[in-house]
Amino acid sequence: MAQSAADEDETIVVTGTRMTRGQAFEMARRYTRAVLAVPQADQNARWADPLCIGAIGLRPEVAVPLIDRIEATARDIGARVASGDCAPNVLMMFVQDSDAAFAMFEQKRPDLLQTSTKDQRRTLSQPGWPVRWFYGQVIEGLGGRGASPNASGLAQAPGALMDLPVLNEGALSRINSPAQLSIKGVTILVDVPRVANVSFDALSDYLAFGILSRTRLDAAPDASSIVSLFQVEAQDRPAGMTDLDRAMLKALYNIPVNRSAAVHRNQMASEMVKVIAAVQ
């Protein structure tokens, strides 16, 4: 995307760093490539359905504010949240040994991983992750209309996501597709001993980011981000989502989803620069 001379001269501040708009755009584009999972069906996935979040392994006095904070983030960035009683399509499981828990999922519920690529499964299988997440997704009509029938989900079997078909990558390569790639469910395994020294706000925002976007588990952005929570030294950990993180999520839910991944990410980078500049 061409940047005008005026745009190049105008400076904005991204997490304490002064940049021209052109520099900020390139940084935002690198960030989205580093953070978002490899596109499937040539699209970047987001939620069309309202989120319904459940938690297992936490006391109510901890689970309720955690879910409240994640839901507040979802509303702020433009995602929908279910009201009243609902069947969870997001399940956070707080366990003492997430390595063993994931091995159990691989053995007993491999269907929950069928929309994860081989590389993603290999990454998930590596020991030592403080948090793991894996997604259910589906190609459906714009706005979530006309989806193919799904099997029963979390409401009938704790820890079970919707049974979704394996996607045919590259099937929707047009700039304006009549369909969208939607996240239908997320299972998150949190290893309690490994997150014990992380602040409540930071962990909540980390989980929110992983829920709201199909995020690489091994993402290593070259910018200050909540995604780097477990990759930096304790004194350098972010206290919560950065301006860049929140701007990306807002861009993901603001621009048309039915574009090719390359076009989508360029548009997201442009929107991110606008959002960051607007809050200064």
C-alpha atoms as a PDB file:
ATOM      1  CA  MET A   1       0.000   0.000   0.000  1.00  0.00           C
ATOM      2  CA  ALA A   2       1.453   3.339  -1.054  1.00  0.00           C
ATOM      3  CA  GLN A   3       1.987   5.885   1.712  1.00  0.00           C
ATOM      4  CA  SER A   4       1.737   9.601   0.965  1.00  0.00           C
ATOM      5  CA  ALA A   5       4.490  12.042   1.998  1.00  0.00           C
ATOM      6  CA  ALA A   6       2.138  13.488   4.609  1.00  0.00           C
ATOM      7  CA  ASP A   7       1.548  10.037   6.028  1.00  0.00           C
ATOM      8  CA  GLU A   8       5.274   9.354   6.146  1.00  0.00           C
ATOM      9  CA  ASP A   9       5.942  12.628   7.995  1.00  0.00           C
ATOM     10  CA  GLU A  10       3.168  12.186  10.558  1.00  0.00           C
ATOM     11  CA  THR A  11       4.394  10.350  13.622  1.00  0.00           C
ATOM     12  CA  ILE A  12       2.510   8.053  15.948  1.00  0.00           C
ATOM     13  CA  VAL A  13       3.660   6.268  19.069  1.00  0.00           C
ATOM     14  CA  VAL A  14       3.367   2.488  19.238  1.00  0.00           C
ATOM     15  CA  THR A  15       4.024   1.197  22.756  1.00  0.00           C
ATOM     16  CA  GLY A  16       6.543   3.918  23.491  1.00  0.00           C
ATOM     17  CA  THR A  17       8.198   3.895  20.050  1.00  0.00           C
ATOM     18  CA  ARG A  18       7.818   6.921  17.762  1.00  0.00           C
ATOM     19  CA  MET A  19       7.247   5.942  14.131  1.00  0.00           C
ATOM     20  CA  THR A  20       6.026   7.373  10.875  1.00  0.00           C
ATOM     21  CA  ARG A  21       2.719   6.001   9.629  1.00  0.00           C
ATOM     22  CA  GLY A  22       4.584   4.037   6.979  1.00  0.00           C
ATOM     23  CA  GLN A  23       6.828   2.427   9.565  1.00  0.00           C
ATOM     24  CA  ALA A  24       3.850   1.687  11.807  1.00  0.00           C
ATOM     25  CA  PHE A  25       2.030   0.058   8.888  1.00  0.00           C
ATOM     26  CA  GLU A  26       4.970  -2.261   8.153  1.00  0.00           C
ATOM     27  CA  MET A  27       5.325  -3.115  11.843  1.00  0.00           C
ATOM     28  CA  ALA A  28       1.591  -3.905  12.088  1.00  0.00           C
ATOM     29  CA  ARG A  29       1.768  -6.112   8.999  1.00  0.00           C
ATOM     30  CA  ARG A  30       4.726  -8.059  10.423  1.00  0.00           C
ATOM     31  CA  TYR A  31       2.872  -8.391  13.708  1.00  0.00           C
ATOM     32  CA  THR A  32      -0.259  -9.887  12.132  1.00  0.00           C
ATOM     33  CA  ARG A  33       1.827 -12.380  10.166  1.00  0.00           C
ATOM     34  CA  ALA A  34       3.668 -13.410  13.338  1.00  0.00           C
ATOM     35  CA  VAL A  35       0.590 -13.678  15.558  1.00  0.00           C
ATOM     36  CA  LEU A  36      -2.239 -15.076  13.449  1.00  0.00           C
ATOM     37  CA  ALA A  37      -2.272 -18.780  12.623  1.00  0.00           C
ATOM     38  CA  VAL A  38      -1.552 -19.856   9.054  1.00  0.00           C
ATOM     39  CA  PRO A  39      -4.695 -19.026   7.017  1.00  0.00           C
ATOM     40  CA  GLN A  40      -6.964 -21.861   6.030  1.00  0.00           C
ATOM     41  CA  ALA A  41      -9.229 -21.598   2.997  1.00  0.00           C
ATOM     42  CA  ASP A  42      -7.175 -18.420   2.374  1.00  0.00           C
ATOM     43  CA  GLN A  43      -8.949 -16.573   5.173  1.00  0.00           C
ATOM     44  CA  ASN A  44      -8.250 -15.417   8.722  1.00  0.00           C
ATOM     45  CA  ALA A  45     -10.867 -16.829  11.064  1.00  0.00           C
ATOM     46  CA  ARG A  46     -13.003 -14.934  13.575  1.00  0.00           C
ATOM     47  CA  TRP A  47     -16.230 -15.542  15.497  1.00  0.00           C
ATOM     48  CA  ALA A  48     -19.648 -15.063  13.897  1.00  0.00           C
ATOM     49  CA  ASP A  49     -21.598 -16.729  16.727  1.00  0.00           C
ATOM     50  CA  PRO A  50     -21.896 -15.163  20.196  1.00  0.00           C
ATOM     51  CA  LEU A  51     -19.270 -16.390  22.631  1.00  0.00           C
ATOM     52  CA  CYS A  52     -20.358 -18.510  25.575  1.00  0.00           C
ATOM     53  CA  ILE A  53     -17.425 -19.058  27.946  1.00  0.00           C
ATOM     54  CA  GLY A  54     -17.118 -21.792  30.538  1.00  0.00           C
ATOM     55  CA  ALA A  55     -14.368 -22.720  32.982  1.00  0.00           C
ATOM     56  CA  ILE A  56     -13.436 -25.961  34.745  1.00  0.00           C
ATOM     57  CA  GLY A  57     -11.030 -26.247  37.664  1.00  0.00           C
ATOM     58  CA  LEU A  58     -11.472 -22.770  39.161  1.00  0.00           C
ATOM     59  CA  ARG A  59     -13.354 -21.586  42.206  1.00  0.00           C
ATOM     60  CA  PRO A  60     -16.351 -19.388  41.342  1.00  0.00           C
ATOM     61  CA  GLU A  61     -14.790 -16.322  42.941  1.00  0.00           C
ATOM     62  CA  VAL A  62     -11.902 -16.636  40.452  1.00  0.00           C
ATOM     63  CA  ALA A  63     -13.789 -17.939  37.404  1.00  0.00           C
ATOM     64  CA  VAL A  64     -16.482 -15.241  37.397  1.00  0.00           C
ATOM     65  CA  PRO A  65     -14.176 -12.193  37.201  1.00  0.00           C
ATOM     66  CA  LEU A  66     -11.980 -14.015  34.678  1.00  0.00           C
ATOM     67  CA  ILE A  67     -14.919 -14.679  32.374  1.00  0.00           C
ATOM     68  CA  ASP A  68     -16.264 -11.155  32.948  1.00  0.00           C
ATOM     69  CA  ARG A  69     -12.966  -9.595  31.862  1.00  0.00           C
ATOM     70  CA  ILE A  70     -12.735 -11.761  28.737  1.00  0.00           C
ATOM     71  CA  GLU A  71     -16.349 -10.961  27.803  1.00  0.00           C
ATOM     72  CA  ALA A  72     -15.717  -7.230  28.306  1.00  0.00           C
ATOM     73  CA  THR A  73     -12.752  -7.452  25.929  1.00  0.00           C
ATOM     74  CA  ALA A  74     -14.884  -9.313  23.380  1.00  0.00           C
ATOM     75  CA  ARG A  75     -17.573  -6.625  23.445  1.00  0.00           C
ATOM     76  CA  ASP A  76     -14.992  -3.856  23.231  1.00  0.00           C
ATOM     77  CA  ILE A  77     -13.417  -5.213  20.049  1.00  0.00           C
ATOM     78  CA  GLY A  78     -16.735  -5.951  18.343  1.00  0.00           C
ATOM     79  CA  ALA A  79     -17.368  -9.651  18.985  1.00  0.00           C
ATOM     80  CA  ARG A  80     -20.721 -10.834  20.284  1.00  0.00           C
ATOM     81  CA  VAL A  81     -21.282 -12.404  23.698  1.00  0.00           C
ATOM     82  CA  ALA A  82     -24.209 -14.673  24.575  1.00  0.00           C
ATOM     83  CA  SER A  83     -26.575 -13.519  27.304  1.00  0.00           C
ATOM     84  CA  GLY A  84     -28.240 -15.671  29.941  1.00  0.00           C
ATOM     85  CA  ASP A  85     -27.873 -19.452  30.007  1.00  0.00           C
ATOM     86  CA  CYS A  86     -25.964 -20.800  27.005  1.00  0.00           C
ATOM     87  CA  ALA A  87     -24.057 -23.883  25.869  1.00  0.00           C
ATOM     88  CA  PRO A  88     -20.326 -23.095  26.115  1.00  0.00           C
ATOM     89  CA  ASN A  89     -18.441 -22.882  22.845  1.00  0.00           C
ATOM     90  CA  VAL A  90     -15.305 -21.749  24.720  1.00  0.00           C
ATOM     91  CA  LEU A  91     -14.045 -24.017  27.482  1.00  0.00           C
ATOM     92  CA  MET A  92     -11.091 -23.104  29.685  1.00  0.00           C
ATOM     93  CA  MET A  93      -9.742 -26.089  31.608  1.00  0.00           C
ATOM     94  CA  PHE A  94      -7.383 -25.347  34.514  1.00  0.00           C
ATOM     95  CA  VAL A  95      -5.347 -28.483  35.197  1.00  0.00           C
ATOM     96  CA  GLN A  96      -2.289 -29.520  37.176  1.00  0.00           C
ATOM     97  CA  ASP A  97      -0.585 -31.294  34.256  1.00  0.00           C
ATOM     98  CA  SER A  98      -1.556 -29.926  30.855  1.00  0.00           C
ATOM     99  CA  ASP A  99       0.939 -32.180  29.050  1.00  0.00           C
ATOM    100  CA  ALA A 100      -0.940 -35.252  30.273  1.00  0.00           C
ATOM    101  CA  ALA A 101      -4.302 -33.597  29.653  1.00  0.00           C
ATOM    102  CA  PHE A 102      -3.440 -32.847  26.028  1.00  0.00           C
ATOM    103  CA  ALA A 103      -2.138 -36.395  25.523  1.00  0.00           C
ATOM    104  CA  MET A 104      -5.547 -37.582  26.707  1.00  0.00           C
ATOM    105  CA  PHE A 105      -7.280 -35.356  24.154  1.00  0.00           C
ATOM    106  CA  GLU A 106      -5.049 -36.712  21.386  1.00  0.00           C
ATOM    107  CA  GLN A 107      -5.879 -40.291  22.329  1.00  0.00           C
ATOM    108  CA  LYS A 108      -9.567 -40.078  23.224  1.00  0.00           C
ATOM    109  CA  ARG A 109     -10.832 -37.078  21.251  1.00  0.00           C
ATOM    110  CA  PRO A 110      -8.711 -36.708  18.096  1.00  0.00           C
ATOM    111  CA  ASP A 111     -11.785 -35.298  16.351  1.00  0.00           C
ATOM    112  CA  LEU A 112     -11.308 -32.089  18.332  1.00  0.00           C
ATOM    113  CA  LEU A 113      -8.012 -31.552  16.517  1.00  0.00           C
ATOM    114  CA  GLN A 114      -9.173 -32.257  12.989  1.00  0.00           C
ATOM    115  CA  THR A 115      -9.085 -28.588  11.928  1.00  0.00           C
ATOM    116  CA  SER A 116      -5.553 -28.216  13.269  1.00  0.00           C
ATOM    117  CA  THR A 117      -2.741 -28.726  10.760  1.00  0.00           C
ATOM    118  CA  LYS A 118       0.011 -31.293  11.278  1.00  0.00           C
ATOM    119  CA  ASP A 119       2.427 -28.528  12.240  1.00  0.00           C
ATOM    120  CA  GLN A 120      -0.055 -27.142  14.768  1.00  0.00           C
ATOM    121  CA  ARG A 121      -0.573 -30.585  16.304  1.00  0.00           C
ATOM    122  CA  ARG A 122       3.178 -31.066  16.507  1.00  0.00           C
ATOM    123  CA  THR A 123       3.509 -27.756  18.340  1.00  0.00           C
ATOM    124  CA  LEU A 124       0.634 -28.582  20.684  1.00  0.00           C
ATOM    125  CA  SER A 125       2.265 -31.930  21.520  1.00  0.00           C
ATOM    126  CA  GLN A 126       5.494 -30.326  22.712  1.00  0.00           C
ATOM    127  CA  PRO A 127       5.809 -30.504  26.524  1.00  0.00           C
ATOM    128  CA  GLY A 128       6.025 -27.488  28.769  1.00  0.00           C
ATOM    129  CA  TRP A 129       3.384 -25.103  27.416  1.00  0.00           C
ATOM    130  CA  PRO A 130       1.799 -22.951  30.157  1.00  0.00           C
ATOM    131  CA  VAL A 131      -1.308 -22.605  27.976  1.00  0.00           C
ATOM    132  CA  ARG A 132      -2.532 -24.576  24.976  1.00  0.00           C
ATOM    133  CA  TRP A 133      -5.493 -23.713  22.759  1.00  0.00           C
ATOM    134  CA  PHE A 134      -7.019 -25.464  19.794  1.00  0.00           C
ATOM    135  CA  TYR A 135      -9.948 -24.466  17.661  1.00  0.00           C
ATOM    136  CA  GLY A 136     -13.002 -25.798  15.889  1.00  0.00           C
ATOM    137  CA  GLN A 137     -13.854 -23.902  12.727  1.00  0.00           C
ATOM    138  CA  VAL A 138     -16.078 -24.128   9.683  1.00  0.00           C
ATOM    139  CA  ILE A 139     -16.683 -22.480   6.320  1.00  0.00           C
ATOM    140  CA  GLU A 140     -20.152 -20.923   6.327  1.00  0.00           C
ATOM    141  CA  GLY A 141     -22.191 -18.147   4.758  1.00  0.00           C
ATOM    142  CA  LEU A 142     -21.452 -14.533   5.600  1.00  0.00           C
ATOM    143  CA  GLY A 143     -22.548 -13.580   9.087  1.00  0.00           C
ATOM    144  CA  GLY A 144     -22.730 -17.232  10.132  1.00  0.00           C
ATOM    145  CA  ARG A 145     -25.619 -18.148   7.852  1.00  0.00           C
ATOM    146  CA  GLY A 146     -26.017 -21.474   6.132  1.00  0.00           C
ATOM    147  CA  ALA A 147     -23.418 -23.455   8.039  1.00  0.00           C
ATOM    148  CA  SER A 148     -23.338 -27.178   7.530  1.00  0.00           C
ATOM    149  CA  PRO A 149     -24.837 -29.197  10.429  1.00  0.00           C
ATOM    150  CA  ASN A 150     -22.481 -29.727  13.358  1.00  0.00           C
ATOM    151  CA  ALA A 151     -22.427 -32.447  15.960  1.00  0.00           C
ATOM    152  CA  SER A 152     -23.387 -31.639  19.539  1.00  0.00           C
ATOM    153  CA  GLY A 153     -20.795 -29.589  21.380  1.00  0.00           C
ATOM    154  CA  LEU A 154     -19.768 -28.633  24.869  1.00  0.00           C
ATOM    155  CA  ALA A 155     -23.277 -28.652  26.279  1.00  0.00           C
ATOM    156  CA  GLN A 156     -23.436 -32.457  26.140  1.00  0.00           C
ATOM    157  CA  ALA A 157     -19.813 -33.411  26.772  1.00  0.00           C
ATOM    158  CA  PRO A 158     -17.435 -31.248  28.857  1.00  0.00           C
ATOM    159  CA  GLY A 159     -14.257 -30.614  26.919  1.00  0.00           C
ATOM    160  CA  ALA A 160     -15.824 -31.489  23.558  1.00  0.00           C
ATOM    161  CA  LEU A 161     -15.917 -28.973  20.747  1.00  0.00           C
ATOM    162  CA  MET A 162     -18.178 -29.071  17.742  1.00  0.00           C
ATOM    163  CA  ASP A 163     -17.329 -31.792  15.266  1.00  0.00           C
ATOM    164  CA  LEU A 164     -16.319 -29.807  12.189  1.00  0.00           C
ATOM    165  CA  PRO A 165     -15.275 -30.905   8.701  1.00  0.00           C
ATOM    166  CA  VAL A 166     -11.670 -30.724   7.602  1.00  0.00           C
ATOM    167  CA  LEU A 167     -11.230 -27.651   5.446  1.00  0.00           C
ATOM    168  CA  ASN A 168     -10.104 -27.749   1.847  1.00  0.00           C
ATOM    169  CA  GLU A 169      -7.304 -25.199   1.886  1.00  0.00           C
ATOM    170  CA  GLY A 170      -7.323 -22.748  -0.995  1.00  0.00           C
ATOM    171  CA  ALA A 171     -10.988 -23.328  -1.794  1.00  0.00           C
ATOM    172  CA  LEU A 172     -11.906 -19.664  -1.248  1.00  0.00           C
ATOM    173  CA  SER A 173      -9.162 -17.631  -2.856  1.00  0.00           C
ATOM    174  CA  ARG A 174     -11.246 -14.828  -4.374  1.00  0.00           C
ATOM    175  CA  ILE A 175     -10.957 -11.335  -2.908  1.00  0.00           C
ATOM    176  CA  ASN A 176     -14.662 -11.201  -2.136  1.00  0.00           C
ATOM    177  CA  SER A 177     -15.916 -14.647  -1.239  1.00  0.00           C
ATOM    178  CA  PRO A 178     -19.577 -15.447  -0.507  1.00  0.00           C
ATOM    179  CA  ALA A 179     -18.403 -17.448   2.511  1.00  0.00           C
ATOM    180  CA  GLN A 180     -16.333 -16.922   5.614  1.00  0.00           C
ATOM    181  CA  LEU A 181     -14.081 -19.004   7.848  1.00  0.00           C
ATOM    182  CA  SER A 182     -15.581 -18.911  11.343  1.00  0.00           C
ATOM    183  CA  ILE A 183     -14.288 -20.059  14.708  1.00  0.00           C
ATOM    184  CA  LYS A 184     -16.945 -22.309  16.224  1.00  0.00           C
ATOM    185  CA  GLY A 185     -15.266 -23.384  19.430  1.00  0.00           C
ATOM    186  CA  VAL A 186     -12.061 -23.176  21.458  1.00  0.00           C
ATOM    187  CA  THR A 187     -10.665 -25.544  24.067  1.00  0.00           C
ATOM    188  CA  ILE A 188      -7.965 -24.050  26.305  1.00  0.00           C
ATOM    189  CA  LEU A 189      -5.736 -26.039  28.651  1.00  0.00           C
ATOM    190  CA  VAL A 190      -4.124 -23.910  31.354  1.00  0.00           C
ATOM    191  CA  ASP A 191      -1.309 -25.497  33.358  1.00  0.00           C
ATOM    192  CA  VAL A 192      -1.904 -24.034  36.816  1.00  0.00           C
ATOM    193  CA  PRO A 193       1.652 -24.511  38.220  1.00  0.00           C
ATOM    194  CA  ARG A 194       3.173 -22.900  35.101  1.00  0.00           C
ATOM    195  CA  VAL A 195       0.986 -19.768  35.263  1.00  0.00           C
ATOM    196  CA  ALA A 196       1.152 -19.313  39.036  1.00  0.00           C
ATOM    197  CA  ASN A 197       3.455 -16.288  38.851  1.00  0.00           C
ATOM    198  CA  VAL A 198       1.515 -14.441  36.153  1.00  0.00           C
ATOM    199  CA  SER A 199      -0.849 -11.628  37.122  1.00  0.00           C
ATOM    200  CA  PHE A 200      -4.601 -12.139  36.855  1.00  0.00           C
ATOM    201  CA  ASP A 201      -5.049  -9.284  34.353  1.00  0.00           C
ATOM    202  CA  ALA A 202      -2.208 -10.451  32.111  1.00  0.00           C
ATOM    203  CA  LEU A 203      -3.399 -14.064  32.058  1.00  0.00           C
ATOM    204  CA  SER A 204      -6.996 -12.971  31.411  1.00  0.00           C
ATOM    205  CA  ASP A 205      -5.931 -10.825  28.457  1.00  0.00           C
ATOM    206  CA  TYR A 206      -3.672 -13.570  27.105  1.00  0.00           C
ATOM    207  CA  LEU A 207      -6.581 -16.013  27.163  1.00  0.00           C
ATOM    208  CA  ALA A 208      -8.917 -13.421  25.622  1.00  0.00           C
ATOM    209  CA  PHE A 209      -6.521 -12.870  22.727  1.00  0.00           C
ATOM    210  CA  GLY A 210      -6.281 -16.606  22.068  1.00  0.00           C
ATOM    211  CA  ILE A 211     -10.054 -16.967  22.197  1.00  0.00           C
ATOM    212  CA  LEU A 212     -10.916 -14.042  19.928  1.00  0.00           C
ATOM    213  CA  SER A 213      -8.408 -14.718  17.151  1.00  0.00           C
ATOM    214  CA  ARG A 214      -6.990 -17.913  15.769  1.00  0.00           C
ATOM    215  CA  THR A 215      -3.576 -17.313  17.299  1.00  0.00           C
ATOM    216  CA  ARG A 216      -0.297 -19.150  16.814  1.00  0.00           C
ATOM    217  CA  LEU A 217       0.662 -20.890  20.034  1.00  0.00           C
ATOM    218  CA  ASP A 218       4.336 -20.257  19.251  1.00  0.00           C
ATOM    219  CA  ALA A 219       3.863 -16.676  18.048  1.00  0.00           C
ATOM    220  CA  ALA A 220       6.940 -14.461  18.482  1.00  0.00           C
ATOM    221  CA  PRO A 221       6.029 -10.915  17.399  1.00  0.00           C
ATOM    222  CA  ASP A 222       8.819  -8.350  17.194  1.00  0.00           C
ATOM    223  CA  ALA A 223       6.702  -5.834  19.126  1.00  0.00           C
ATOM    224  CA  SER A 224       5.345  -5.452  22.630  1.00  0.00           C
ATOM    225  CA  SER A 225       2.386  -7.830  22.860  1.00  0.00           C
ATOM    226  CA  ILE A 226       0.381  -9.875  25.334  1.00  0.00           C
ATOM    227  CA  VAL A 227       1.185 -12.836  23.081  1.00  0.00           C
ATOM    228  CA  SER A 228       4.779 -12.728  24.375  1.00  0.00           C
ATOM    229  CA  LEU A 229       3.602 -13.161  27.979  1.00  0.00           C
ATOM    230  CA  PHE A 230       5.418 -16.469  28.496  1.00  0.00           C
ATOM    231  CA  GLN A 231       8.380 -15.732  26.226  1.00  0.00           C
ATOM    232  CA  VAL A 232       9.943 -12.781  28.051  1.00  0.00           C
ATOM    233  CA  GLU A 233      11.574 -12.416  31.446  1.00  0.00           C
ATOM    234  CA  ALA A 234       9.223 -11.869  34.376  1.00  0.00           C
ATOM    235  CA  GLN A 235      10.167  -8.200  34.744  1.00  0.00           C
ATOM    236  CA  ASP A 236       9.380  -7.573  31.063  1.00  0.00           C
ATOM    237  CA  ARG A 237       5.953  -9.207  30.996  1.00  0.00           C
ATOM    238  CA  PRO A 238       3.108  -6.998  29.750  1.00  0.00           C
ATOM    239  CA  ALA A 239       0.515  -6.102  32.379  1.00  0.00           C
ATOM    240  CA  GLY A 240      -2.271  -6.715  29.854  1.00  0.00           C
ATOM    241  CA  MET A 241      -3.102  -6.225  26.198  1.00  0.00           C
ATOM    242  CA  THR A 242      -1.051  -3.536  24.508  1.00  0.00           C
ATOM    243  CA  ASP A 243      -2.487  -0.896  22.163  1.00  0.00           C
ATOM    244  CA  LEU A 244      -1.224  -3.011  19.272  1.00  0.00           C
ATOM    245  CA  ASP A 245      -2.992  -6.150  20.531  1.00  0.00           C
ATOM    246  CA  ARG A 246      -6.315  -4.405  21.002  1.00  0.00           C
ATOM    247  CA  ALA A 247      -6.005  -2.597  17.676  1.00  0.00           C
ATOM    248  CA  MET A 248      -5.454  -5.892  15.851  1.00  0.00           C
ATOM    249  CA  LEU A 249      -8.500  -7.503  17.417  1.00  0.00           C
ATOM    250  CA  LYS A 250     -10.652  -4.462  16.619  1.00  0.00           C
ATOM    251  CA  ALA A 251      -9.402  -4.518  13.037  1.00  0.00           C
ATOM    252  CA  LEU A 252     -10.103  -8.252  12.733  1.00  0.00           C
ATOM    253  CA  TYR A 253     -13.736  -7.719  13.727  1.00  0.00           C
ATOM    254  CA  ASN A 254     -14.233  -4.406  11.927  1.00  0.00           C
ATOM    255  CA  ILE A 255     -13.203  -5.101   8.335  1.00  0.00           C
ATOM    256  CA  PRO A 256     -14.941  -7.555   5.960  1.00  0.00           C
ATOM    257  CA  VAL A 257     -13.848 -11.092   6.764  1.00  0.00           C
ATOM    258  CA  ASN A 258     -14.504 -12.538   3.294  1.00  0.00           C
ATOM    259  CA  ARG A 259     -11.258 -11.376   1.689  1.00  0.00           C
ATOM    260  CA  SER A 260      -8.141 -13.300   0.787  1.00  0.00           C
ATOM    261  CA  ALA A 261      -5.731 -13.580   3.697  1.00  0.00           C
ATOM    262  CA  ALA A 262      -3.112 -11.306   2.092  1.00  0.00           C
ATOM    263  CA  VAL A 263      -5.647  -8.547   1.348  1.00  0.00           C
ATOM    264  CA  HIS A 264      -7.207  -9.012   4.775  1.00  0.00           C
ATOM    265  CA  ARG A 265      -3.933  -8.585   6.639  1.00  0.00           C
ATOM    266  CA  ASN A 266      -2.988  -5.471   4.679  1.00  0.00           C
ATOM    267  CA  GLN A 267      -6.378  -3.977   5.534  1.00  0.00           C
ATOM    268  CA  MET A 268      -5.936  -4.998   9.149  1.00  0.00           C
ATOM    269  CA  ALA A 269      -2.549  -3.261   9.299  1.00  0.00           C
ATOM    270  CA  SER A 270      -4.098  -0.059   7.929  1.00  0.00           C
ATOM    271  CA  GLU A 271      -6.924  -0.228  10.459  1.00  0.00           C
ATOM    272  CA  MET A 272      -4.480  -0.909  13.288  1.00  0.00           C
ATOM    273  CA  VAL A 273      -2.518   2.244  12.492  1.00  0.00           C
ATOM    274  CA  LYS A 274      -5.754   4.269  12.475  1.00  0.00           C
ATOM    275  CA  VAL A 275      -6.875   2.832  15.826  1.00  0.00           C
ATOM    276  CA  ILE A 276      -3.522   3.449  17.510  1.00  0.00           C
ATOM    277  CA  ALA A 277      -3.296   6.985  16.141  1.00  0.00           C
ATOM    278  CA  ALA A 278      -6.858   7.722  17.318  1.00  0.00           C
ATOM    279  CA  VAL A 279      -6.155   6.844  20.961  1.00  0.00           C
ATOM    280  CA  GLN A 280      -3.172   9.192  21.257  1.00  0.00           C
END
